[in-house]
Amino acid sequence: MNIRIGFVVRLIMAILLTLSVAAFTYAAEKPKPKQKLMDNYIAVFDVETTGKIDSDIARPLTESIRRELVMSKKYEVIDRGNMNKILGEQKFQMSGCVSGQCIVEAGQLLGAGKIIAGSVSLVGKTYYLTLSLINVETGKIENVSEDECECRVDDLIKSSKRLVKKLLGESVPEAPTITASGKREEQEKIATERFTFKNGIIEDSKLALQWVPAPSWDMNHYEAGEYVQKLSLNGGGWRLPTRAELKSLYDKSKPGNADTVFGVGDKWVWTSELDGSSNAWYFYFAGGSERMNARAPSYYYGYRVLPVRSRR
C-alpha cells in the first residue's frame, strides 16, 4: 500500500514539474507586444554624410530639420534626448544603421508613425541634400525631396528648411544656386567627355539619358522602386536602370569603377529587370558583374539606387 501511495505522489510531482516548466517556457517565448505607433508622431534620424564632408555638419542639419518640423505643427516631433533614451533602454544600436529596414525598426521602437532619413553629399563644390519621409507601419517611402547648394554650411541649413517644406507638401519656390562667393548663378561642370553635370543632373551624351547621383543609404528593391517614383527632381519621370545601362557606366580606370559623380563606389545597384516576381538583377561595380538577389533580402547592406530617365 505504501509503495502504491509513494508512486502516486511521485507521479503527481512529476506532472506538476512538467506543467511548471511548460508555463515558464511559454512565458519566456511569448512575443513581446508591439509598440503602438502614433501616426502624428515623427522621428528625425541624423543626416548621413558621405565622401569628404565633415561629419560635424550632420548634427546642425538634423536639428534644423527637427526645428522646421516643430514649427510646421503638423507632427509631434520626438526630441533627440527622448530618442536616445528609448533606443538605449531597448539596447538598440544606431551606429551603422543606414539600411531602410534598420531605420524602420528604430522607428517602431520609438512608436513613431513617420520617420525622416536624409543624406548630404559633396560633388565638386556643390552639396546635395536628400530627405525621405517613411511610413513606419508599411516601411514605404511616402515622399522624397532634394536640393543642391554650391554654398557655405550656413546656406546648407537654409536648404534643409526648404526641403522639409517640400516633404510636407508645402509650396516652396525653387531657390537659385548659391555660390560660395555669394553670387547667384547656374552651376555647370564638365565631368568627362561623355558626362555633363548640370543642375543636379548628369547628362549622358552616349546613351541620351539623364542620371541622378545615388543617395547614400541602403535599400531593398521595393524601396528603390518607390524612391525613383517619388523623386521629383526637375520634373520627375525617373526610373530604375536596366542592366545594360549600368554596365555602360562600369570603367576600371575610374575610382570606384565608375565616374565619381555617380556616387556608387563599390556598391551593388538595383536594376529594373526581374526574375519572376520575387527576384531582381543588380550590377556589382566592385567587379563589373551582373547578379541576382531577392527583392527584399534579409540583408541588403550596400544595395543602392541610381535613378535614370530619357534626356529631356
C-alpha atoms as a PDB file:
ATOM      1  CA  MET A   1       0.000   0.000   0.000  1.00  0.00           C
ATOM      2  CA  ASN A   2       2.811   2.391   0.946  1.00  0.00           C
ATOM      3  CA  ILE A   3       4.555   1.575  -2.315  1.00  0.00           C
ATOM      4  CA  ARG A   4       1.400   2.493  -4.270  1.00  0.00           C
ATOM      5  CA  ILE A   5       0.988   5.799  -2.361  1.00  0.00           C
ATOM      6  CA  GLY A   6       4.632   6.684  -2.948  1.00  0.00           C
ATOM      7  CA  PHE A   7       4.250   6.005  -6.672  1.00  0.00           C
ATOM      8  CA  VAL A   8       1.165   8.250  -6.878  1.00  0.00           C
ATOM      9  CA  VAL A   9       2.960  11.072  -5.035  1.00  0.00           C
ATOM     10  CA  ARG A  10       5.957  10.861  -7.357  1.00  0.00           C
ATOM     11  CA  LEU A  11       3.651  10.837 -10.390  1.00  0.00           C
ATOM     12  CA  ILE A  12       1.805  13.950  -9.180  1.00  0.00           C
ATOM     13  CA  MET A  13       5.089  15.765  -8.516  1.00  0.00           C
ATOM     14  CA  ALA A  14       6.358  14.844 -11.993  1.00  0.00           C
ATOM     15  CA  ILE A  15       3.166  16.209 -13.590  1.00  0.00           C
ATOM     16  CA  LEU A  16       3.381  19.455 -11.597  1.00  0.00           C
ATOM     17  CA  LEU A  17       7.044  19.883 -12.552  1.00  0.00           C
ATOM     18  CA  THR A  18       6.223  19.337 -16.234  1.00  0.00           C
ATOM     19  CA  LEU A  19       3.438  21.936 -16.086  1.00  0.00           C
ATOM     20  CA  SER A  20       5.731  24.428 -14.346  1.00  0.00           C
ATOM     21  CA  VAL A  21       8.452  24.012 -16.988  1.00  0.00           C
ATOM     22  CA  ALA A  22       5.887  24.378 -19.790  1.00  0.00           C
ATOM     23  CA  ALA A  23       4.462  27.549 -18.224  1.00  0.00           C
ATOM     24  CA  PHE A  24       7.948  29.028 -17.814  1.00  0.00           C
ATOM     25  CA  THR A  25       8.862  28.165 -21.401  1.00  0.00           C
ATOM     26  CA  TYR A  26       5.680  29.797 -22.725  1.00  0.00           C
ATOM     27  CA  ALA A  27       6.317  32.927 -20.694  1.00  0.00           C
ATOM     28  CA  ALA A  28       9.891  33.101 -21.992  1.00  0.00           C
ATOM     29  CA  GLU A  29       8.883  32.535 -25.611  1.00  0.00           C
ATOM     30  CA  LYS A  30       5.772  34.692 -25.564  1.00  0.00           C
ATOM     31  CA  PRO A  31       6.398  37.504 -28.059  1.00  0.00           C
ATOM     32  CA  LYS A  32       6.662  40.997 -26.688  1.00  0.00           C
ATOM     33  CA  PRO A  33       3.715  43.199 -27.629  1.00  0.00           C
ATOM     34  CA  LYS A  34       4.495  45.577 -30.459  1.00  0.00           C
ATOM     35  CA  GLN A  35       4.911  49.224 -29.636  1.00  0.00           C
ATOM     36  CA  LYS A  36       1.768  51.098 -30.658  1.00  0.00           C
ATOM     37  CA  LEU A  37       2.578  53.500 -33.458  1.00  0.00           C
ATOM     38  CA  MET A  38       1.313  57.071 -33.180  1.00  0.00           C
ATOM     39  CA  ASP A  39       0.529  58.455 -36.638  1.00  0.00           C
ATOM     40  CA  ASN A  40       1.028  62.036 -35.532  1.00  0.00           C
ATOM     41  CA  TYR A  41       4.482  61.327 -34.049  1.00  0.00           C
ATOM     42  CA  ILE A  42       7.598  61.703 -36.192  1.00  0.00           C
ATOM     43  CA  ALA A  43      11.257  60.920 -35.536  1.00  0.00           C
ATOM     44  CA  VAL A  44      14.199  62.538 -37.336  1.00  0.00           C
ATOM     45  CA  PHE A  45      17.347  60.466 -37.714  1.00  0.00           C
ATOM     46  CA  ASP A  46      20.779  62.014 -38.093  1.00  0.00           C
ATOM     47  CA  VAL A  47      21.601  63.091 -41.631  1.00  0.00           C
ATOM     48  CA  GLU A  48      24.228  60.774 -43.093  1.00  0.00           C
ATOM     49  CA  THR A  49      27.338  62.436 -44.515  1.00  0.00           C
ATOM     50  CA  THR A  50      29.303  60.824 -47.318  1.00  0.00           C
ATOM     51  CA  GLY A  51      32.620  61.350 -49.028  1.00  0.00           C
ATOM     52  CA  LYS A  52      34.833  64.183 -47.851  1.00  0.00           C
ATOM     53  CA  ILE A  53      32.111  66.001 -45.915  1.00  0.00           C
ATOM     54  CA  ASP A  54      32.887  66.734 -42.267  1.00  0.00           C
ATOM     55  CA  SER A  55      30.598  64.562 -40.123  1.00  0.00           C
ATOM     56  CA  ASP A  56      30.114  67.543 -37.773  1.00  0.00           C
ATOM     57  CA  ILE A  57      27.721  69.002 -40.362  1.00  0.00           C
ATOM     58  CA  ALA A  58      25.194  66.249 -39.648  1.00  0.00           C
ATOM     59  CA  ARG A  59      24.184  67.496 -36.186  1.00  0.00           C
ATOM     60  CA  PRO A  60      23.197  71.095 -37.113  1.00  0.00           C
ATOM     61  CA  LEU A  61      21.447  69.874 -40.274  1.00  0.00           C
ATOM     62  CA  THR A  62      19.431  67.316 -38.321  1.00  0.00           C
ATOM     63  CA  GLU A  63      18.471  69.861 -35.669  1.00  0.00           C
ATOM     64  CA  SER A  64      17.437  72.351 -38.363  1.00  0.00           C
ATOM     65  CA  ILE A  65      15.133  69.709 -39.884  1.00  0.00           C
ATOM     66  CA  ARG A  66      13.690  68.900 -36.462  1.00  0.00           C
ATOM     67  CA  ARG A  67      13.041  72.583 -35.669  1.00  0.00           C
ATOM     68  CA  GLU A  68      11.322  73.153 -39.013  1.00  0.00           C
ATOM     69  CA  LEU A  69       9.024  70.197 -38.332  1.00  0.00           C
ATOM     70  CA  VAL A  70       8.134  71.565 -34.912  1.00  0.00           C
ATOM     71  CA  MET A  71       7.310  74.955 -36.434  1.00  0.00           C
ATOM     72  CA  SER A  72       5.062  73.316 -39.043  1.00  0.00           C
ATOM     73  CA  LYS A  73       2.820  71.998 -36.211  1.00  0.00           C
ATOM     74  CA  LYS A  74       1.852  69.040 -38.409  1.00  0.00           C
ATOM     75  CA  TYR A  75       3.512  66.423 -36.204  1.00  0.00           C
ATOM     76  CA  GLU A  76       4.561  65.773 -32.636  1.00  0.00           C
ATOM     77  CA  VAL A  77       8.327  65.646 -33.030  1.00  0.00           C
ATOM     78  CA  ILE A  78      10.287  63.257 -30.797  1.00  0.00           C
ATOM     79  CA  ASP A  79      13.300  65.167 -29.491  1.00  0.00           C
ATOM     80  CA  ARG A  80      16.842  63.805 -29.636  1.00  0.00           C
ATOM     81  CA  GLY A  81      17.067  63.200 -25.895  1.00  0.00           C
ATOM     82  CA  ASN A  82      13.957  61.009 -25.780  1.00  0.00           C
ATOM     83  CA  MET A  83      15.015  59.145 -28.921  1.00  0.00           C
ATOM     84  CA  ASN A  84      18.367  58.261 -27.373  1.00  0.00           C
ATOM     85  CA  LYS A  85      16.728  57.289 -24.073  1.00  0.00           C
ATOM     86  CA  ILE A  86      14.114  54.983 -25.629  1.00  0.00           C
ATOM     87  CA  LEU A  87      16.541  53.305 -28.018  1.00  0.00           C
ATOM     88  CA  GLY A  88      19.102  52.975 -25.235  1.00  0.00           C
ATOM     89  CA  GLU A  89      16.581  51.243 -22.974  1.00  0.00           C
ATOM     90  CA  GLN A  90      15.861  48.805 -25.828  1.00  0.00           C
ATOM     91  CA  LYS A  91      19.615  48.314 -26.325  1.00  0.00           C
ATOM     92  CA  PHE A  92      19.205  49.336 -29.967  1.00  0.00           C
ATOM     93  CA  GLN A  93      22.479  50.338 -31.622  1.00  0.00           C
ATOM     94  CA  MET A  94      22.064  53.188 -34.126  1.00  0.00           C
ATOM     95  CA  SER A  95      25.724  53.162 -35.149  1.00  0.00           C
ATOM     96  CA  GLY A  96      25.910  51.725 -38.658  1.00  0.00           C
ATOM     97  CA  CYS A  97      22.109  51.713 -39.006  1.00  0.00           C
ATOM     98  CA  VAL A  98      21.830  53.005 -42.585  1.00  0.00           C
ATOM     99  CA  SER A  99      19.528  50.499 -44.273  1.00  0.00           C
ATOM    100  CA  GLY A 100      15.846  51.312 -44.688  1.00  0.00           C
ATOM    101  CA  GLN A 101      14.907  48.211 -42.693  1.00  0.00           C
ATOM    102  CA  CYS A 102      17.117  49.165 -39.747  1.00  0.00           C
ATOM    103  CA  ILE A 103      15.767  52.711 -39.621  1.00  0.00           C
ATOM    104  CA  VAL A 104      12.175  51.453 -39.742  1.00  0.00           C
ATOM    105  CA  GLU A 105      12.889  49.078 -36.830  1.00  0.00           C
ATOM    106  CA  ALA A 106      14.195  52.016 -34.813  1.00  0.00           C
ATOM    107  CA  GLY A 107      11.046  53.977 -35.675  1.00  0.00           C
ATOM    108  CA  GLN A 108       8.895  51.084 -34.445  1.00  0.00           C
ATOM    109  CA  LEU A 109      10.704  51.047 -31.104  1.00  0.00           C
ATOM    110  CA  LEU A 110      10.095  54.786 -30.804  1.00  0.00           C
ATOM    111  CA  GLY A 111       6.378  54.354 -31.549  1.00  0.00           C
ATOM    112  CA  ALA A 112       6.594  56.921 -34.343  1.00  0.00           C
ATOM    113  CA  GLY A 113       4.183  56.778 -37.262  1.00  0.00           C
ATOM    114  CA  LYS A 114       6.624  58.552 -39.585  1.00  0.00           C
ATOM    115  CA  ILE A 115      10.380  58.964 -39.776  1.00  0.00           C
ATOM    116  CA  ILE A 116      12.657  61.227 -41.770  1.00  0.00           C
ATOM    117  CA  ALA A 117      16.022  59.997 -43.019  1.00  0.00           C
ATOM    118  CA  GLY A 118      18.444  62.004 -45.109  1.00  0.00           C
ATOM    119  CA  SER A 119      21.906  62.301 -46.570  1.00  0.00           C
ATOM    120  CA  VAL A 120      24.240  65.020 -47.727  1.00  0.00           C
ATOM    121  CA  SER A 121      26.996  64.543 -50.295  1.00  0.00           C
ATOM    122  CA  LEU A 122      29.507  66.802 -51.972  1.00  0.00           C
ATOM    123  CA  VAL A 123      30.238  66.686 -55.703  1.00  0.00           C
ATOM    124  CA  GLY A 124      32.870  69.190 -56.720  1.00  0.00           C
ATOM    125  CA  LYS A 125      31.879  72.298 -54.773  1.00  0.00           C
ATOM    126  CA  THR A 126      28.161  71.539 -54.674  1.00  0.00           C
ATOM    127  CA  TYR A 127      26.295  69.987 -51.738  1.00  0.00           C
ATOM    128  CA  TYR A 128      23.389  67.635 -52.466  1.00  0.00           C
ATOM    129  CA  LEU A 129      20.890  67.161 -49.662  1.00  0.00           C
ATOM    130  CA  THR A 130      18.170  64.499 -49.826  1.00  0.00           C
ATOM    131  CA  LEU A 131      15.348  63.803 -47.361  1.00  0.00           C
ATOM    132  CA  SER A 132      12.887  60.893 -47.351  1.00  0.00           C
ATOM    133  CA  LEU A 133       9.589  60.634 -45.465  1.00  0.00           C
ATOM    134  CA  ILE A 134       8.979  56.990 -44.491  1.00  0.00           C
ATOM    135  CA  ASN A 135       5.827  55.321 -43.166  1.00  0.00           C
ATOM    136  CA  VAL A 136       6.938  53.174 -40.217  1.00  0.00           C
ATOM    137  CA  GLU A 137       3.998  50.759 -40.365  1.00  0.00           C
ATOM    138  CA  THR A 138       4.457  49.882 -44.050  1.00  0.00           C
ATOM    139  CA  GLY A 139       8.150  50.735 -44.416  1.00  0.00           C
ATOM    140  CA  LYS A 140       7.333  52.591 -47.637  1.00  0.00           C
ATOM    141  CA  ILE A 141       8.843  55.887 -48.752  1.00  0.00           C
ATOM    142  CA  GLU A 142       5.972  58.364 -48.965  1.00  0.00           C
ATOM    143  CA  ASN A 143       7.866  61.343 -50.309  1.00  0.00           C
ATOM    144  CA  VAL A 144      11.365  62.429 -51.324  1.00  0.00           C
ATOM    145  CA  SER A 145      12.792  65.944 -51.633  1.00  0.00           C
ATOM    146  CA  GLU A 146      16.202  67.039 -52.879  1.00  0.00           C
ATOM    147  CA  ASP A 147      18.125  70.282 -53.076  1.00  0.00           C
ATOM    148  CA  GLU A 148      21.553  71.424 -54.242  1.00  0.00           C
ATOM    149  CA  CYS A 149      23.706  74.215 -52.917  1.00  0.00           C
ATOM    150  CA  GLU A 150      27.119  75.484 -54.000  1.00  0.00           C
ATOM    151  CA  CYS A 151      27.483  77.332 -50.763  1.00  0.00           C
ATOM    152  CA  ARG A 152      28.726  77.655 -47.208  1.00  0.00           C
ATOM    153  CA  VAL A 153      27.373  75.443 -44.431  1.00  0.00           C
ATOM    154  CA  ASP A 154      25.020  78.146 -43.122  1.00  0.00           C
ATOM    155  CA  ASP A 155      23.298  78.252 -46.537  1.00  0.00           C
ATOM    156  CA  LEU A 156      23.041  74.456 -46.406  1.00  0.00           C
ATOM    157  CA  ILE A 157      20.949  74.890 -43.249  1.00  0.00           C
ATOM    158  CA  LYS A 158      18.552  77.098 -45.235  1.00  0.00           C
ATOM    159  CA  SER A 159      18.400  74.389 -47.867  1.00  0.00           C
ATOM    160  CA  SER A 160      17.327  71.844 -45.235  1.00  0.00           C
ATOM    161  CA  LYS A 161      14.428  74.079 -44.207  1.00  0.00           C
ATOM    162  CA  ARG A 162      13.196  74.297 -47.804  1.00  0.00           C
ATOM    163  CA  LEU A 163      13.365  70.518 -48.108  1.00  0.00           C
ATOM    164  CA  VAL A 164      11.206  69.974 -45.029  1.00  0.00           C
ATOM    165  CA  LYS A 165       8.517  72.215 -46.521  1.00  0.00           C
ATOM    166  CA  LYS A 166       8.666  70.245 -49.781  1.00  0.00           C
ATOM    167  CA  LEU A 167       8.476  66.972 -47.874  1.00  0.00           C
ATOM    168  CA  LEU A 168       5.319  68.154 -46.105  1.00  0.00           C
ATOM    169  CA  GLY A 169       3.720  69.114 -49.403  1.00  0.00           C
ATOM    170  CA  GLU A 170       4.053  72.862 -48.972  1.00  0.00           C
ATOM    171  CA  SER A 171       4.719  75.083 -51.964  1.00  0.00           C
ATOM    172  CA  VAL A 172       8.297  76.344 -51.955  1.00  0.00           C
ATOM    173  CA  PRO A 173       9.809  78.496 -54.730  1.00  0.00           C
ATOM    174  CA  GLU A 174      12.963  76.971 -56.172  1.00  0.00           C
ATOM    175  CA  ALA A 175      15.993  78.820 -54.893  1.00  0.00           C
ATOM    176  CA  PRO A 176      18.686  79.640 -57.443  1.00  0.00           C
ATOM    177  CA  THR A 177      22.079  78.044 -56.912  1.00  0.00           C
ATOM    178  CA  ILE A 178      24.128  79.958 -54.349  1.00  0.00           C
ATOM    179  CA  THR A 179      27.877  80.047 -54.930  1.00  0.00           C
ATOM    180  CA  ALA A 180      30.464  80.320 -52.175  1.00  0.00           C
ATOM    181  CA  SER A 181      31.244  83.855 -53.283  1.00  0.00           C
ATOM    182  CA  GLY A 182      27.604  84.849 -52.731  1.00  0.00           C
ATOM    183  CA  LYS A 183      26.749  85.199 -56.434  1.00  0.00           C
ATOM    184  CA  ARG A 184      23.635  83.512 -57.816  1.00  0.00           C
ATOM    185  CA  GLU A 185      24.473  81.666 -60.986  1.00  0.00           C
ATOM    186  CA  GLU A 186      23.700  78.458 -62.820  1.00  0.00           C
ATOM    187  CA  GLN A 187      26.082  75.678 -61.751  1.00  0.00           C
ATOM    188  CA  GLU A 188      27.622  73.818 -64.638  1.00  0.00           C
ATOM    189  CA  LYS A 189      30.567  71.443 -64.558  1.00  0.00           C
ATOM    190  CA  ILE A 190      32.043  69.202 -67.216  1.00  0.00           C
ATOM    191  CA  ALA A 191      32.840  65.823 -65.650  1.00  0.00           C
ATOM    192  CA  THR A 192      34.077  63.897 -68.713  1.00  0.00           C
ATOM    193  CA  GLU A 193      33.592  63.996 -72.475  1.00  0.00           C
ATOM    194  CA  ARG A 194      30.605  61.679 -72.070  1.00  0.00           C
ATOM    195  CA  PHE A 195      29.037  63.207 -68.948  1.00  0.00           C
ATOM    196  CA  THR A 196      27.969  66.789 -68.293  1.00  0.00           C
ATOM    197  CA  PHE A 197      26.989  67.680 -64.762  1.00  0.00           C
ATOM    198  CA  LYS A 198      24.342  70.411 -64.597  1.00  0.00           C
ATOM    199  CA  ASN A 199      21.717  71.446 -62.022  1.00  0.00           C
ATOM    200  CA  GLY A 200      21.984  68.211 -60.056  1.00  0.00           C
ATOM    201  CA  ILE A 201      21.587  66.005 -63.144  1.00  0.00           C
ATOM    202  CA  ILE A 202      24.243  64.038 -65.025  1.00  0.00           C
ATOM    203  CA  GLU A 203      23.713  64.336 -68.783  1.00  0.00           C
ATOM    204  CA  ASP A 204      24.807  61.176 -70.597  1.00  0.00           C
ATOM    205  CA  SER A 205      25.627  62.016 -74.230  1.00  0.00           C
ATOM    206  CA  LYS A 206      26.421  58.402 -75.158  1.00  0.00           C
ATOM    207  CA  LEU A 207      23.029  56.903 -74.216  1.00  0.00           C
ATOM    208  CA  ALA A 208      20.942  60.111 -74.384  1.00  0.00           C
ATOM    209  CA  LEU A 209      19.997  59.635 -70.731  1.00  0.00           C
ATOM    210  CA  GLN A 210      19.898  61.700 -67.566  1.00  0.00           C
ATOM    211  CA  TRP A 211      21.127  60.315 -64.236  1.00  0.00           C
ATOM    212  CA  VAL A 212      20.922  61.414 -60.609  1.00  0.00           C
ATOM    213  CA  PRO A 213      23.790  60.612 -58.184  1.00  0.00           C
ATOM    214  CA  ALA A 214      22.931  57.700 -55.895  1.00  0.00           C
ATOM    215  CA  PRO A 215      21.573  58.533 -52.413  1.00  0.00           C
ATOM    216  CA  SER A 216      23.866  57.379 -49.626  1.00  0.00           C
ATOM    217  CA  TRP A 217      21.631  54.895 -47.815  1.00  0.00           C
ATOM    218  CA  ASP A 218      20.880  51.246 -48.482  1.00  0.00           C
ATOM    219  CA  MET A 219      17.502  49.987 -49.672  1.00  0.00           C
ATOM    220  CA  ASN A 220      15.885  46.834 -50.988  1.00  0.00           C
ATOM    221  CA  HIS A 221      14.447  46.598 -54.498  1.00  0.00           C
ATOM    222  CA  TYR A 222      10.921  47.629 -53.467  1.00  0.00           C
ATOM    223  CA  GLU A 223      12.263  50.688 -51.627  1.00  0.00           C
ATOM    224  CA  ALA A 224      14.433  51.553 -54.639  1.00  0.00           C
ATOM    225  CA  GLY A 225      11.373  51.472 -56.885  1.00  0.00           C
ATOM    226  CA  GLU A 226       9.426  53.715 -54.525  1.00  0.00           C
ATOM    227  CA  TYR A 227      12.356  56.116 -54.288  1.00  0.00           C
ATOM    228  CA  VAL A 228      12.585  56.746 -58.049  1.00  0.00           C
ATOM    229  CA  GLN A 229       8.800  57.114 -58.332  1.00  0.00           C
ATOM    230  CA  LYS A 230       8.771  59.756 -55.592  1.00  0.00           C
ATOM    231  CA  LEU A 231      11.825  61.614 -56.911  1.00  0.00           C
ATOM    232  CA  SER A 232      10.541  64.944 -58.220  1.00  0.00           C
ATOM    233  CA  LEU A 233      13.875  66.496 -59.233  1.00  0.00           C
ATOM    234  CA  ASN A 234      13.486  68.577 -62.402  1.00  0.00           C
ATOM    235  CA  GLY A 235      10.017  67.303 -63.254  1.00  0.00           C
ATOM    236  CA  GLY A 236      10.232  63.660 -62.140  1.00  0.00           C
ATOM    237  CA  GLY A 237       9.789  60.727 -64.500  1.00  0.00           C
ATOM    238  CA  TRP A 238      12.725  58.800 -63.009  1.00  0.00           C
ATOM    239  CA  ARG A 239      13.030  55.006 -63.138  1.00  0.00           C
ATOM    240  CA  LEU A 240      15.383  52.140 -62.306  1.00  0.00           C
ATOM    241  CA  PRO A 241      18.097  51.491 -64.929  1.00  0.00           C
ATOM    242  CA  THR A 242      18.498  48.338 -66.985  1.00  0.00           C
ATOM    243  CA  ARG A 243      21.484  46.015 -66.659  1.00  0.00           C
ATOM    244  CA  ALA A 244      22.888  47.246 -69.967  1.00  0.00           C
ATOM    245  CA  GLU A 245      22.626  50.900 -68.879  1.00  0.00           C
ATOM    246  CA  LEU A 246      24.504  50.238 -65.634  1.00  0.00           C
ATOM    247  CA  LYS A 247      27.105  48.095 -67.353  1.00  0.00           C
ATOM    248  CA  SER A 248      27.865  51.003 -69.692  1.00  0.00           C
ATOM    249  CA  LEU A 249      28.951  53.062 -66.645  1.00  0.00           C
ATOM    250  CA  TYR A 250      31.484  50.480 -65.484  1.00  0.00           C
ATOM    251  CA  ASP A 251      35.072  51.593 -66.002  1.00  0.00           C
ATOM    252  CA  LYS A 252      38.008  50.001 -64.178  1.00  0.00           C
ATOM    253  CA  SER A 253      40.130  53.085 -64.795  1.00  0.00           C
ATOM    254  CA  LYS A 254      37.829  55.246 -62.662  1.00  0.00           C
ATOM    255  CA  PRO A 255      37.875  55.461 -58.839  1.00  0.00           C
ATOM    256  CA  GLY A 256      35.197  53.083 -57.618  1.00  0.00           C
ATOM    257  CA  ASN A 257      34.955  51.652 -61.160  1.00  0.00           C
ATOM    258  CA  ALA A 258      32.590  54.409 -62.265  1.00  0.00           C
ATOM    259  CA  ASP A 259      32.762  58.149 -62.745  1.00  0.00           C
ATOM    260  CA  THR A 260      32.983  59.759 -59.307  1.00  0.00           C
ATOM    261  CA  VAL A 261      29.865  61.886 -59.872  1.00  0.00           C
ATOM    262  CA  PHE A 262      27.642  58.788 -59.651  1.00  0.00           C
ATOM    263  CA  GLY A 263      28.417  58.027 -56.007  1.00  0.00           C
ATOM    264  CA  VAL A 264      28.182  54.236 -56.384  1.00  0.00           C
ATOM    265  CA  GLY A 265      31.733  53.317 -55.377  1.00  0.00           C
ATOM    266  CA  ASP A 266      31.923  49.558 -54.810  1.00  0.00           C
ATOM    267  CA  LYS A 267      28.163  49.202 -54.230  1.00  0.00           C
ATOM    268  CA  TRP A 268      25.507  46.938 -55.695  1.00  0.00           C
ATOM    269  CA  VAL A 269      22.998  48.922 -57.754  1.00  0.00           C
ATOM    270  CA  TRP A 270      19.471  47.636 -58.403  1.00  0.00           C
ATOM    271  CA  THR A 271      18.169  47.315 -61.964  1.00  0.00           C
ATOM    272  CA  SER A 272      14.604  47.317 -63.290  1.00  0.00           C
ATOM    273  CA  GLU A 273      14.905  43.734 -64.519  1.00  0.00           C
ATOM    274  CA  LEU A 274      13.144  40.966 -62.573  1.00  0.00           C
ATOM    275  CA  ASP A 275      13.404  37.196 -62.494  1.00  0.00           C
ATOM    276  CA  GLY A 276       9.921  36.096 -61.542  1.00  0.00           C
ATOM    277  CA  SER A 277       8.062  38.239 -59.039  1.00  0.00           C
ATOM    278  CA  SER A 278      10.402  37.998 -56.055  1.00  0.00           C
ATOM    279  CA  ASN A 279      13.929  38.319 -57.510  1.00  0.00           C
ATOM    280  CA  ALA A 280      15.708  41.220 -59.220  1.00  0.00           C
ATOM    281  CA  TRP A 281      19.001  41.763 -61.014  1.00  0.00           C
ATOM    282  CA  TYR A 282      21.640  44.177 -59.770  1.00  0.00           C
ATOM    283  CA  PHE A 283      25.025  45.358 -61.041  1.00  0.00           C
ATOM    284  CA  TYR A 284      28.114  44.987 -58.851  1.00  0.00           C
ATOM    285  CA  PHE A 285      30.509  47.879 -59.508  1.00  0.00           C
ATOM    286  CA  ALA A 286      33.355  46.367 -57.481  1.00  0.00           C
ATOM    287  CA  GLY A 287      33.729  43.558 -60.028  1.00  0.00           C
ATOM    288  CA  GLY A 288      31.687  44.642 -63.031  1.00  0.00           C
ATOM    289  CA  SER A 289      29.350  41.666 -62.769  1.00  0.00           C
ATOM    290  CA  GLU A 290      25.586  41.198 -63.002  1.00  0.00           C
ATOM    291  CA  ARG A 291      23.942  39.212 -60.220  1.00  0.00           C
ATOM    292  CA  MET A 292      20.508  38.400 -58.865  1.00  0.00           C
ATOM    293  CA  ASN A 293      19.005  38.513 -55.362  1.00  0.00           C
ATOM    294  CA  ALA A 294      15.646  38.563 -53.615  1.00  0.00           C
ATOM    295  CA  ARG A 295      13.866  41.890 -53.991  1.00  0.00           C
ATOM    296  CA  ALA A 296      13.541  42.110 -50.206  1.00  0.00           C
ATOM    297  CA  PRO A 297      16.565  40.205 -48.866  1.00  0.00           C
ATOM    298  CA  SER A 298      17.053  39.910 -45.120  1.00  0.00           C
ATOM    299  CA  TYR A 299      20.487  41.505 -45.573  1.00  0.00           C
ATOM    300  CA  TYR A 300      20.931  44.277 -48.100  1.00  0.00           C
ATOM    301  CA  TYR A 301      23.824  46.368 -46.809  1.00  0.00           C
ATOM    302  CA  GLY A 302      25.449  48.155 -49.754  1.00  0.00           C
ATOM    303  CA  TYR A 303      22.489  47.976 -52.160  1.00  0.00           C
ATOM    304  CA  ARG A 304      21.805  51.381 -53.742  1.00  0.00           C
ATOM    305  CA  VAL A 305      19.670  53.005 -56.428  1.00  0.00           C
ATOM    306  CA  LEU A 306      20.788  55.128 -59.379  1.00  0.00           C
ATOM    307  CA  PRO A 307      17.779  56.990 -60.862  1.00  0.00           C
ATOM    308  CA  VAL A 308      17.714  57.458 -64.632  1.00  0.00           C
ATOM    309  CA  ARG A 309      15.382  58.793 -67.327  1.00  0.00           C
ATOM    310  CA  SER A 310      15.456  59.664 -71.019  1.00  0.00           C
ATOM    311  CA  ARG A 311      17.029  63.010 -71.850  1.00  0.00           C
ATOM    312  CA  ARG A 312      14.639  65.955 -71.890  1.00  0.00           C
END
